[in-house]
Amino acid sequence: MTATATLSSKFQISIPKAVREEQHWEAGQEFVFIPKGKGVLVMPVPEMAQLVGIAKGAATSDVRDRKDRY
């Protein structure tokens, strides 16, 4: 899918309808912008419920705590 948008004078971009529908994005959803070279990766911020179990099996020994930081 190829879609384009124009940056407005208020530095806003409207996400094309085809992209919103394909990604199931909705109004009010929060996004993160990750710089990648000369471009930017745009991803929705996951809700806490979506993160449950994401680190299943991760080692919990030798975990740093805030007290370990300088």
PDB file of N, CA and C in Angstrom:
ATOM      1  N   MET A   1       0.845  -1.170   0.000  1.00  0.00           N
ATOM      2  CA  MET A   1       0.000   0.000   0.000  1.00  0.00           C
ATOM      3  C   MET A   1       0.893   1.237   0.000  1.00  0.00           C
ATOM      4  N   THR A   2       0.631   2.129  -0.931  1.00  0.00           N
ATOM      5  CA  THR A   2       1.357   3.394  -0.986  1.00  0.00           C
ATOM      6  C   THR A   2       0.360   4.524  -0.783  1.00  0.00           C
ATOM      7  N   ALA A   3       0.639   5.351   0.206  1.00  0.00           N
ATOM      8  CA  ALA A   3      -0.216   6.500   0.487  1.00  0.00           C
ATOM      9  C   ALA A   3       0.690   7.664   0.875  1.00  0.00           C
ATOM     10  N   THR A   4       0.274   8.865   0.530  1.00  0.00           N
ATOM     11  CA  THR A   4       1.055  10.046   0.876  1.00  0.00           C
ATOM     12  C   THR A   4       0.195  11.023   1.654  1.00  0.00           C
ATOM     13  N   ALA A   5       0.870  11.911   2.378  1.00  0.00           N
ATOM     14  CA  ALA A   5       0.200  12.968   3.135  1.00  0.00           C
ATOM     15  C   ALA A   5       1.110  14.193   3.107  1.00  0.00           C
ATOM     16  N   THR A   6       0.541  15.348   3.357  1.00  0.00           N
ATOM     17  CA  THR A   6       1.290  16.604   3.345  1.00  0.00           C
ATOM     18  C   THR A   6       1.326  17.188   4.755  1.00  0.00           C
ATOM     19  N   LEU A   7       2.496  17.645   5.164  1.00  0.00           N
ATOM     20  CA  LEU A   7       2.664  18.282   6.463  1.00  0.00           C
ATOM     21  C   LEU A   7       2.052  19.678   6.407  1.00  0.00           C
ATOM     22  N   SER A   8       1.142  19.984   7.324  1.00  0.00           N
ATOM     23  CA  SER A   8       0.467  21.287   7.315  1.00  0.00           C
ATOM     24  C   SER A   8       1.344  22.362   7.949  1.00  0.00           C
ATOM     25  N   SER A   9       0.905  23.602   7.859  1.00  0.00           N
ATOM     26  CA  SER A   9       1.655  24.712   8.465  1.00  0.00           C
ATOM     27  C   SER A   9       1.680  24.603   9.989  1.00  0.00           C
ATOM     28  N   LYS A  10       0.775  23.801  10.553  1.00  0.00           N
ATOM     29  CA  LYS A  10       0.745  23.560  12.005  1.00  0.00           C
ATOM     30  C   LYS A  10       1.482  22.271  12.360  1.00  0.00           C
ATOM     31  N   PHE A  11       2.247  21.738  11.400  1.00  0.00           N
ATOM     32  CA  PHE A  11       3.035  20.517  11.561  1.00  0.00           C
ATOM     33  C   PHE A  11       2.159  19.306  11.884  1.00  0.00           C
ATOM     34  N   GLN A  12       1.019  19.217  11.225  1.00  0.00           N
ATOM     35  CA  GLN A  12       0.119  18.086  11.398  1.00  0.00           C
ATOM     36  C   GLN A  12       0.044  17.301  10.094  1.00  0.00           C
ATOM     37  N   ILE A  13      -0.164  15.983  10.233  1.00  0.00           N
ATOM     38  CA  ILE A  13      -0.330  15.104   9.082  1.00  0.00           C
ATOM     39  C   ILE A  13      -1.597  14.294   9.307  1.00  0.00           C
ATOM     40  N   SER A  14      -2.444  14.234   8.297  1.00  0.00           N
ATOM     41  CA  SER A  14      -3.627  13.377   8.352  1.00  0.00           C
ATOM     42  C   SER A  14      -3.237  12.013   7.808  1.00  0.00           C
ATOM     43  N   ILE A  15      -3.525  10.976   8.567  1.00  0.00           N
ATOM     44  CA  ILE A  15      -3.203   9.619   8.135  1.00  0.00           C
ATOM     45  C   ILE A  15      -4.273   9.194   7.129  1.00  0.00           C
ATOM     46  N   PRO A  16      -3.867   8.773   5.946  1.00  0.00           N
ATOM     47  CA  PRO A  16      -4.849   8.378   4.933  1.00  0.00           C
ATOM     48  C   PRO A  16      -5.800   7.288   5.435  1.00  0.00           C
ATOM     49  N   LYS A  17      -7.052   7.361   4.998  1.00  0.00           N
ATOM     50  CA  LYS A  17      -8.093   6.442   5.447  1.00  0.00           C
ATOM     51  C   LYS A  17      -7.715   4.984   5.202  1.00  0.00           C
ATOM     52  N   ALA A  18      -7.119   4.695   4.058  1.00  0.00           N
ATOM     53  CA  ALA A  18      -6.737   3.314   3.744  1.00  0.00           C
ATOM     54  C   ALA A  18      -5.755   2.761   4.780  1.00  0.00           C
ATOM     55  N   VAL A  19      -4.821   3.596   5.232  1.00  0.00           N
ATOM     56  CA  VAL A  19      -3.836   3.178   6.242  1.00  0.00           C
ATOM     57  C   VAL A  19      -4.530   2.971   7.587  1.00  0.00           C
ATOM     58  N   ARG A  20      -5.386   3.915   7.982  1.00  0.00           N
ATOM     59  CA  ARG A  20      -6.108   3.803   9.267  1.00  0.00           C
ATOM     60  C   ARG A  20      -6.941   2.528   9.310  1.00  0.00           C
ATOM     61  N   GLU A  21      -7.630   2.239   8.227  1.00  0.00           N
ATOM     62  CA  GLU A  21      -8.477   1.045   8.195  1.00  0.00           C
ATOM     63  C   GLU A  21      -7.649  -0.236   8.204  1.00  0.00           C
ATOM     64  N   GLU A  22      -6.571  -0.264   7.438  1.00  0.00           N
ATOM     65  CA  GLU A  22      -5.711  -1.452   7.378  1.00  0.00           C
ATOM     66  C   GLU A  22      -5.095  -1.748   8.755  1.00  0.00           C
ATOM     67  N   GLN A  23      -4.698  -0.692   9.480  1.00  0.00           N
ATOM     68  CA  GLN A  23      -4.040  -0.852  10.784  1.00  0.00           C
ATOM     69  C   GLN A  23      -5.031  -0.871  11.949  1.00  0.00           C
ATOM     70  N   HIS A  24      -6.299  -0.609  11.671  1.00  0.00           N
ATOM     71  CA  HIS A  24      -7.343  -0.550  12.705  1.00  0.00           C
ATOM     72  C   HIS A  24      -7.048   0.547  13.735  1.00  0.00           C
ATOM     73  N   TRP A  25      -6.532   1.678  13.256  1.00  0.00           N
ATOM     74  CA  TRP A  25      -6.260   2.822  14.122  1.00  0.00           C
ATOM     75  C   TRP A  25      -7.533   3.640  14.283  1.00  0.00           C
ATOM     76  N   GLU A  26      -7.707   4.198  15.484  1.00  0.00           N
ATOM     77  CA  GLU A  26      -8.906   4.979  15.771  1.00  0.00           C
ATOM     78  C   GLU A  26      -8.543   6.341  16.352  1.00  0.00           C
ATOM     79  N   ALA A  27      -9.484   7.275  16.265  1.00  0.00           N
ATOM     80  CA  ALA A  27      -9.279   8.616  16.812  1.00  0.00           C
ATOM     81  C   ALA A  27      -8.999   8.523  18.313  1.00  0.00           C
ATOM     82  N   GLY A  28      -8.068   9.310  18.785  1.00  0.00           N
ATOM     83  CA  GLY A  28      -7.730   9.339  20.205  1.00  0.00           C
ATOM     84  C   GLY A  28      -6.637   8.355  20.593  1.00  0.00           C
ATOM     85  N   GLN A  29      -6.261   7.487  19.677  1.00  0.00           N
ATOM     86  CA  GLN A  29      -5.206   6.512  19.961  1.00  0.00           C
ATOM     87  C   GLN A  29      -3.866   7.239  20.067  1.00  0.00           C
ATOM     88  N   GLU A  30      -3.006   6.793  20.976  1.00  0.00           N
ATOM     89  CA  GLU A  30      -1.706   7.431  21.209  1.00  0.00           C
ATOM     90  C   GLU A  30      -0.630   6.701  20.403  1.00  0.00           C
ATOM     91  N   PHE A  31       0.318   7.473  19.838  1.00  0.00           N
ATOM     92  CA  PHE A  31       1.377   6.911  19.008  1.00  0.00           C
ATOM     93  C   PHE A  31       2.750   7.339  19.500  1.00  0.00           C
ATOM     94  N   VAL A  32       3.751   6.541  19.160  1.00  0.00           N
ATOM     95  CA  VAL A  32       5.138   6.865  19.467  1.00  0.00           C
ATOM     96  C   VAL A  32       5.859   7.058  18.130  1.00  0.00           C
ATOM     97  N   PHE A  33       6.794   8.001  18.089  1.00  0.00           N
ATOM     98  CA  PHE A  33       7.578   8.289  16.897  1.00  0.00           C
ATOM     99  C   PHE A  33       9.020   7.893  17.170  1.00  0.00           C
ATOM    100  N   ILE A  34       9.549   6.963  16.383  1.00  0.00           N
ATOM    101  CA  ILE A  34      10.899   6.449  16.582  1.00  0.00           C
ATOM    102  C   ILE A  34      11.753   6.845  15.386  1.00  0.00           C
ATOM    103  N   PRO A  35      12.772   7.722  15.589  1.00  0.00           N
ATOM    104  CA  PRO A  35      13.640   8.125  14.476  1.00  0.00           C
ATOM    105  C   PRO A  35      14.394   6.923  13.900  1.00  0.00           C
ATOM    106  N   LYS A  36      14.403   6.808  12.577  1.00  0.00           N
ATOM    107  CA  LYS A  36      15.121   5.737  11.874  1.00  0.00           C
ATOM    108  C   LYS A  36      15.836   6.358  10.680  1.00  0.00           C
ATOM    109  N   GLY A  37      17.106   6.685  10.853  1.00  0.00           N
ATOM    110  CA  GLY A  37      17.859   7.311   9.765  1.00  0.00           C
ATOM    111  C   GLY A  37      17.226   8.636   9.376  1.00  0.00           C
ATOM    112  N   LYS A  38      16.811   8.751   8.115  1.00  0.00           N
ATOM    113  CA  LYS A  38      16.172   9.978   7.636  1.00  0.00           C
ATOM    114  C   LYS A  38      14.654   9.893   7.708  1.00  0.00           C
ATOM    115  N   GLY A  39      14.134   8.809   8.288  1.00  0.00           N
ATOM    116  CA  GLY A  39      12.693   8.621   8.395  1.00  0.00           C
ATOM    117  C   GLY A  39      12.260   8.449   9.840  1.00  0.00           C
ATOM    118  N   VAL A  40      11.002   8.120  10.004  1.00  0.00           N
ATOM    119  CA  VAL A  40      10.426   7.930  11.339  1.00  0.00           C
ATOM    120  C   VAL A  40       9.494   6.728  11.298  1.00  0.00           C
ATOM    121  N   LEU A  41       9.598   5.874  12.301  1.00  0.00           N
ATOM    122  CA  LEU A  41       8.688   4.750  12.462  1.00  0.00           C
ATOM    123  C   LEU A  41       7.573   5.214  13.386  1.00  0.00           C
ATOM    124  N   VAL A  42       6.324   5.068  12.962  1.00  0.00           N
ATOM    125  CA  VAL A  42       5.169   5.481  13.755  1.00  0.00           C
ATOM    126  C   VAL A  42       4.448   4.217  14.211  1.00  0.00           C
ATOM    127  N   MET A  43       4.306   4.078  15.524  1.00  0.00           N
ATOM    128  CA  MET A  43       3.650   2.890  16.070  1.00  0.00           C
ATOM    129  C   MET A  43       2.682   3.282  17.172  1.00  0.00           C
ATOM    130  N   PRO A  44       1.550   2.579  17.270  1.00  0.00           N
ATOM    131  CA  PRO A  44       0.634   2.862  18.366  1.00  0.00           C
ATOM    132  C   PRO A  44       1.248   2.413  19.690  1.00  0.00           C
ATOM    133  N   VAL A  45       1.012   3.176  20.736  1.00  0.00           N
ATOM    134  CA  VAL A  45       1.479   2.809  22.078  1.00  0.00           C
ATOM    135  C   VAL A  45       0.568   1.678  22.557  1.00  0.00           C
ATOM    136  N   PRO A  46       1.143   0.537  22.945  1.00  0.00           N
ATOM    137  CA  PRO A  46       0.297  -0.579  23.378  1.00  0.00           C
ATOM    138  C   PRO A  46      -0.358  -0.303  24.729  1.00  0.00           C
ATOM    139  N   GLU A  47      -1.535  -0.880  24.915  1.00  0.00           N
ATOM    140  CA  GLU A  47      -2.206  -0.788  26.205  1.00  0.00           C
ATOM    141  C   GLU A  47      -1.592  -1.834  27.131  1.00  0.00           C
ATOM    142  N   MET A  48      -1.693  -1.632  28.431  1.00  0.00           N
ATOM    143  CA  MET A  48      -1.088  -2.545  29.395  1.00  0.00           C
ATOM    144  C   MET A  48      -1.570  -3.983  29.194  1.00  0.00           C
ATOM    145  N   ALA A  49      -2.835  -4.163  28.873  1.00  0.00           N
ATOM    146  CA  ALA A  49      -3.386  -5.511  28.683  1.00  0.00           C
ATOM    147  C   ALA A  49      -2.686  -6.236  27.528  1.00  0.00           C
ATOM    148  N   GLN A  50      -2.216  -5.498  26.532  1.00  0.00           N
ATOM    149  CA  GLN A  50      -1.531  -6.105  25.401  1.00  0.00           C
ATOM    150  C   GLN A  50      -0.121  -6.566  25.754  1.00  0.00           C
ATOM    151  N   LEU A  51       0.428  -6.071  26.857  1.00  0.00           N
ATOM    152  CA  LEU A  51       1.798  -6.398  27.253  1.00  0.00           C
ATOM    153  C   LEU A  51       1.884  -7.584  28.203  1.00  0.00           C
ATOM    154  N   VAL A  52       0.744  -8.073  28.679  1.00  0.00           N
ATOM    155  CA  VAL A  52       0.735  -9.198  29.618  1.00  0.00           C
ATOM    156  C   VAL A  52       1.388 -10.408  28.960  1.00  0.00           C
ATOM    157  N   GLY A  53       2.377 -10.973  29.642  1.00  0.00           N
ATOM    158  CA  GLY A  53       3.048 -12.169  29.164  1.00  0.00           C
ATOM    159  C   GLY A  53       4.144 -11.923  28.149  1.00  0.00           C
ATOM    160  N   ILE A  54       4.456 -10.679  27.830  1.00  0.00           N
ATOM    161  CA  ILE A  54       5.449 -10.376  26.798  1.00  0.00           C
ATOM    162  C   ILE A  54       6.860 -10.821  27.211  1.00  0.00           C
ATOM    163  N   ALA A  55       7.139 -10.851  28.504  1.00  0.00           N
ATOM    164  CA  ALA A  55       8.473 -11.231  28.973  1.00  0.00           C
ATOM    165  C   ALA A  55       8.475 -12.609  29.627  1.00  0.00           C
ATOM    166  N   LYS A  56       7.525 -13.446  29.254  1.00  0.00           N
ATOM    167  CA  LYS A  56       7.440 -14.783  29.820  1.00  0.00           C
ATOM    168  C   LYS A  56       8.735 -15.542  29.555  1.00  0.00           C
ATOM    169  N   GLY A  57       9.299 -16.118  30.609  1.00  0.00           N
ATOM    170  CA  GLY A  57      10.538 -16.871  30.480  1.00  0.00           C
ATOM    171  C   GLY A  57      11.793 -16.028  30.607  1.00  0.00           C
ATOM    172  N   ALA A  58      11.669 -14.728  30.792  1.00  0.00           N
ATOM    173  CA  ALA A  58      12.846 -13.863  30.933  1.00  0.00           C
ATOM    174  C   ALA A  58      13.528 -14.128  32.277  1.00  0.00           C
ATOM    175  N   ALA A  59      14.832 -14.038  32.287  1.00  0.00           N
ATOM    176  CA  ALA A  59      15.596 -14.242  33.518  1.00  0.00           C
ATOM    177  C   ALA A  59      15.315 -13.095  34.483  1.00  0.00           C
ATOM    178  N   THR A  60      14.995 -13.425  35.726  1.00  0.00           N
ATOM    179  CA  THR A  60      14.697 -12.398  36.717  1.00  0.00           C
ATOM    180  C   THR A  60      15.840 -12.215  37.709  1.00  0.00           C
ATOM    181  N   SER A  61      16.901 -13.012  37.574  1.00  0.00           N
ATOM    182  CA  SER A  61      18.044 -12.833  38.463  1.00  0.00           C
ATOM    183  C   SER A  61      18.917 -11.703  37.934  1.00  0.00           C
ATOM    184  N   ASP A  62      19.603 -11.050  38.833  1.00  0.00           N
ATOM    185  CA  ASP A  62      20.511  -9.962  38.479  1.00  0.00           C
ATOM    186  C   ASP A  62      19.789  -8.819  37.763  1.00  0.00           C
ATOM    187  N   VAL A  63      18.589  -8.496  38.228  1.00  0.00           N
ATOM    188  CA  VAL A  63      17.821  -7.388  37.655  1.00  0.00           C
ATOM    189  C   VAL A  63      18.227  -6.098  38.361  1.00  0.00           C
ATOM    190  N   ARG A  64      18.511  -5.054  37.591  1.00  0.00           N
ATOM    191  CA  ARG A  64      18.896  -3.779  38.185  1.00  0.00           C
ATOM    192  C   ARG A  64      17.682  -3.078  38.761  1.00  0.00           C
ATOM    193  N   ASP A  65      17.916  -2.349  39.814  1.00  0.00           N
ATOM    194  CA  ASP A  65      16.865  -1.568  40.460  1.00  0.00           C
ATOM    195  C   ASP A  65      17.269  -0.099  40.396  1.00  0.00           C
ATOM    196  N   ARG A  66      16.368   0.776  40.726  1.00  0.00           N
ATOM    197  CA  ARG A  66      16.691   2.195  40.703  1.00  0.00           C
ATOM    198  C   ARG A  66      17.859   2.525  41.634  1.00  0.00           C
ATOM    199  N   LYS A  67      18.009   1.770  42.702  1.00  0.00           N
ATOM    200  CA  LYS A  67      19.116   2.015  43.645  1.00  0.00           C
ATOM    201  C   LYS A  67      20.471   1.731  43.001  1.00  0.00           C
ATOM    202  N   ASP A  68      20.487   0.894  41.948  1.00  0.00           N
ATOM    203  CA  ASP A  68      21.738   0.538  41.291  1.00  0.00           C
ATOM    204  C   ASP A  68      22.217   1.621  40.338  1.00  0.00           C
ATOM    205  N   ARG A  69      21.360   2.562  40.028  1.00  0.00           N
ATOM    206  CA  ARG A  69      21.717   3.586  39.046  1.00  0.00           C
ATOM    207  C   ARG A  69      22.503   4.708  39.712  1.00  0.00           C
ATOM    208  N   TYR A  70      23.278   5.398  38.935  1.00  0.00           N
ATOM    209  CA  TYR A  70      24.082   6.495  39.472  1.00  0.00           C
ATOM    210  C   TYR A  70      23.324   7.733  39.374  1.00  0.00           C
TER     211      TYR A  70
END
